[in-house]
Amino acid sequence: MARSVTDAFIAACNAADTDECFIVLVTVNDPNLPAPVRLNTSGENQVSNGETYLACPIQVTLSDDTEDRPPQAKLVMDNIDRTIIAGLRSLNAPPTVTLQIVKASDLDTVEMELTDFEMRTITYNTLTIEGTLTLEALFSEPAAQHSFTPSLFPGLF
């Protein structure tokens, strides 16, 4: 799947060395939460497009872009507060997660955005919280409402 990104982003990614730093902004949303949880990987609180993203040790591992399976990512964050686990235990459905990649020099320009992930298979221990981010299973959904039978579609037979 092709993504459009700025030329500066591509140049920084392909450079042998660069002064540019990329920050991943993570937004976790659920109807049971009073407000979306916004975190970032920079080590200090950041404001992007008017929203404050709290610093939290996070590791985001993106999957390869392949056509034979839906995109999947892995999110690992430090278990820094007991309220996070309490919030996870109160969820009735998987929360939705949005990942945005921005440059530290320009926090308001989103270079890449990955939306509509659902956080599934959430595991945690005293040190970390880990979740698998998946998209809705579109491959298992039926493609057509009807079965192609001679009585319904005589022109095909």
Protein backbone atom coordinates (compact mmCIF):
# COMPACT_ATOMS: atom_id res chain seq x y z
CA MET A 1 0.00 0.00 0.00
CA ALA A 2 1.57 3.27 -1.09
CA ARG A 3 1.73 6.16 1.35
CA SER A 4 2.34 9.80 0.52
CA VAL A 5 4.97 11.45 2.69
CA THR A 6 6.97 14.65 2.29
CA ASP A 7 10.27 14.76 0.44
CA ALA A 8 12.00 15.92 3.66
CA PHE A 9 10.74 12.79 5.44
CA ILE A 10 12.07 10.51 2.69
CA ALA A 11 15.41 12.34 2.63
CA ALA A 12 15.80 12.04 6.41
CA CYS A 13 14.91 8.33 6.31
CA ASN A 14 17.41 7.60 3.53
CA ALA A 15 20.26 9.78 4.84
CA ALA A 16 23.41 8.13 6.21
CA ASP A 17 23.10 10.46 9.19
CA THR A 18 20.63 13.21 9.96
CA ASP A 19 19.79 15.71 12.66
CA GLU A 20 16.11 14.88 12.24
CA CYS A 21 14.31 12.87 14.91
CA PHE A 22 11.00 11.10 14.40
CA ILE A 23 8.38 10.88 17.12
CA VAL A 24 5.52 8.39 17.21
CA LEU A 25 2.28 9.80 18.61
CA VAL A 26 -0.11 7.19 19.98
CA THR A 27 -3.79 7.92 20.61
CA VAL A 28 -5.86 5.29 22.43
CA ASN A 29 -9.61 5.88 22.39
CA ASP A 30 -12.56 4.03 23.88
CA PRO A 31 -16.11 5.14 24.76
CA ASN A 32 -15.50 4.12 28.39
CA LEU A 33 -12.55 6.49 28.72
CA PRO A 34 -13.29 10.07 29.81
CA ALA A 35 -10.79 11.36 27.22
CA PRO A 36 -8.46 9.74 24.69
CA VAL A 37 -5.08 8.69 26.05
CA ARG A 38 -2.31 10.42 24.11
CA LEU A 39 1.30 9.26 24.43
CA ASN A 40 4.54 9.92 22.56
CA THR A 41 7.98 8.35 22.23
CA SER A 42 10.15 11.48 22.61
CA GLY A 43 10.84 11.33 26.35
CA GLU A 44 9.10 14.62 27.11
CA ASN A 45 5.55 15.92 26.72
CA GLN A 46 4.78 17.24 23.24
CA VAL A 47 1.99 19.35 21.73
CA SER A 48 0.95 18.44 18.19
CA ASN A 49 -2.01 20.06 16.42
CA GLY A 50 -3.29 21.45 19.72
CA GLU A 51 -3.29 18.10 21.57
CA THR A 52 -0.87 17.27 24.39
CA TYR A 53 0.88 13.90 24.15
CA LEU A 54 2.37 12.65 27.40
CA ALA A 55 5.87 11.20 27.49
CA CYS A 56 5.88 7.47 28.11
CA PRO A 57 8.47 4.83 27.26
CA ILE A 58 6.84 3.18 24.24
CA GLN A 59 8.08 0.78 21.62
CA VAL A 60 6.06 0.52 18.41
CA THR A 61 6.91 -2.24 15.94
CA LEU A 62 5.18 -1.89 12.58
CA SER A 63 4.62 -4.87 10.31
CA ASP A 64 5.64 -5.16 6.70
CA ASP A 65 3.26 -3.78 4.09
CA THR A 66 2.19 -6.98 2.33
CA GLU A 67 -0.93 -7.69 0.33
CA ASP A 68 -1.51 -11.22 1.65
CA ARG A 69 -2.40 -10.21 5.23
CA PRO A 70 -3.81 -7.19 6.99
CA PRO A 71 -1.41 -4.72 8.65
CA GLN A 72 -0.47 -5.49 12.21
CA ALA A 73 1.65 -3.65 14.76
CA LYS A 74 2.92 -4.32 18.24
CA LEU A 75 2.75 -1.72 21.00
CA VAL A 76 4.81 -2.15 24.17
CA MET A 77 4.80 0.48 26.89
CA ASP A 78 6.16 0.69 30.40
CA ASN A 79 3.65 0.01 33.15
CA ILE A 80 4.22 3.34 34.90
CA ASP A 81 0.90 3.75 36.70
CA ARG A 82 -1.66 1.41 38.29
CA THR A 83 -4.51 3.37 36.75
CA ILE A 84 -3.51 2.14 33.28
CA ILE A 85 -4.15 -1.48 34.25
CA ALA A 86 -7.39 -0.50 36.00
CA GLY A 87 -8.50 1.24 32.80
CA LEU A 88 -7.63 -1.79 30.67
CA ARG A 89 -9.59 -4.09 32.97
CA SER A 90 -12.69 -1.89 32.63
CA LEU A 91 -12.81 -2.13 28.82
CA ASN A 92 -15.62 -4.18 27.29
CA ALA A 93 -14.33 -4.02 23.71
CA PRO A 94 -10.93 -3.47 22.12
CA PRO A 95 -9.91 0.21 22.16
CA THR A 96 -9.07 1.94 18.90
CA VAL A 97 -5.52 3.16 18.36
CA THR A 98 -4.12 5.76 15.97
CA LEU A 99 -0.39 6.02 15.27
CA GLN A 100 1.09 9.19 13.81
CA ILE A 101 4.70 9.81 12.88
CA VAL A 102 5.97 13.39 13.03
CA LYS A 103 9.34 15.09 12.85
CA ALA A 104 10.60 16.65 16.08
CA SER A 105 11.32 19.87 14.17
CA ASP A 106 7.71 20.11 12.92
CA LEU A 107 5.25 18.46 15.30
CA ASP A 108 2.16 19.77 13.51
CA THR A 109 2.91 18.05 10.19
CA VAL A 110 1.87 14.42 10.32
CA GLU A 111 4.21 12.52 8.02
CA MET A 112 2.43 9.17 8.29
CA GLU A 113 -0.83 8.23 9.95
CA LEU A 114 -2.07 4.71 10.66
CA THR A 115 -5.68 4.71 11.83
CA ASP A 116 -8.46 2.34 12.83
CA PHE A 117 -6.27 -0.16 14.66
CA GLU A 118 -7.89 -2.21 17.39
CA MET A 119 -5.72 -3.16 20.37
CA ARG A 120 -6.19 -6.89 20.86
CA THR A 121 -4.44 -9.52 22.95
CA ILE A 122 -3.45 -7.11 25.69
CA THR A 123 -1.02 -8.62 28.18
CA TYR A 124 0.68 -6.97 31.10
CA ASN A 125 2.96 -7.58 34.02
CA THR A 126 4.61 -5.39 36.64
CA LEU A 127 6.99 -3.85 34.08
CA THR A 128 5.24 -3.63 30.70
CA ILE A 129 1.91 -3.54 28.90
CA GLU A 130 1.83 -5.13 25.46
CA GLY A 131 -0.90 -5.11 22.84
CA THR A 132 -1.26 -6.31 19.28
CA LEU A 133 -2.73 -3.72 16.97
CA THR A 134 -4.81 -5.17 14.15
CA LEU A 135 -7.26 -3.88 11.61
CA GLU A 136 -10.78 -5.20 11.33
CA ALA A 137 -10.69 -8.65 9.78
CA LEU A 138 -11.90 -7.67 6.33
CA PHE A 139 -10.49 -10.85 4.79
CA SER A 140 -12.94 -13.01 6.73
CA GLU A 141 -15.99 -10.94 5.78
CA PRO A 142 -18.21 -12.22 2.96
CA ALA A 143 -17.69 -10.36 -0.29
CA ALA A 144 -21.24 -10.75 -1.55
CA GLN A 145 -24.62 -10.95 0.11
CA HIS A 146 -25.87 -13.86 -2.01
CA SER A 147 -24.41 -17.17 -3.08
CA PHE A 148 -23.97 -17.46 -6.80
CA THR A 149 -26.50 -20.22 -7.55
CA PRO A 150 -28.33 -20.98 -10.81
CA SER A 151 -31.66 -19.94 -9.31
CA LEU A 152 -30.43 -16.49 -8.28
CA PHE A 153 -27.98 -15.79 -11.11
CA PRO A 154 -29.10 -17.81 -14.19
CA GLY A 155 -26.96 -15.69 -16.53
CA LEU A 156 -23.78 -17.06 -15.00
CA PHE A 157 -24.64 -20.69 -15.74
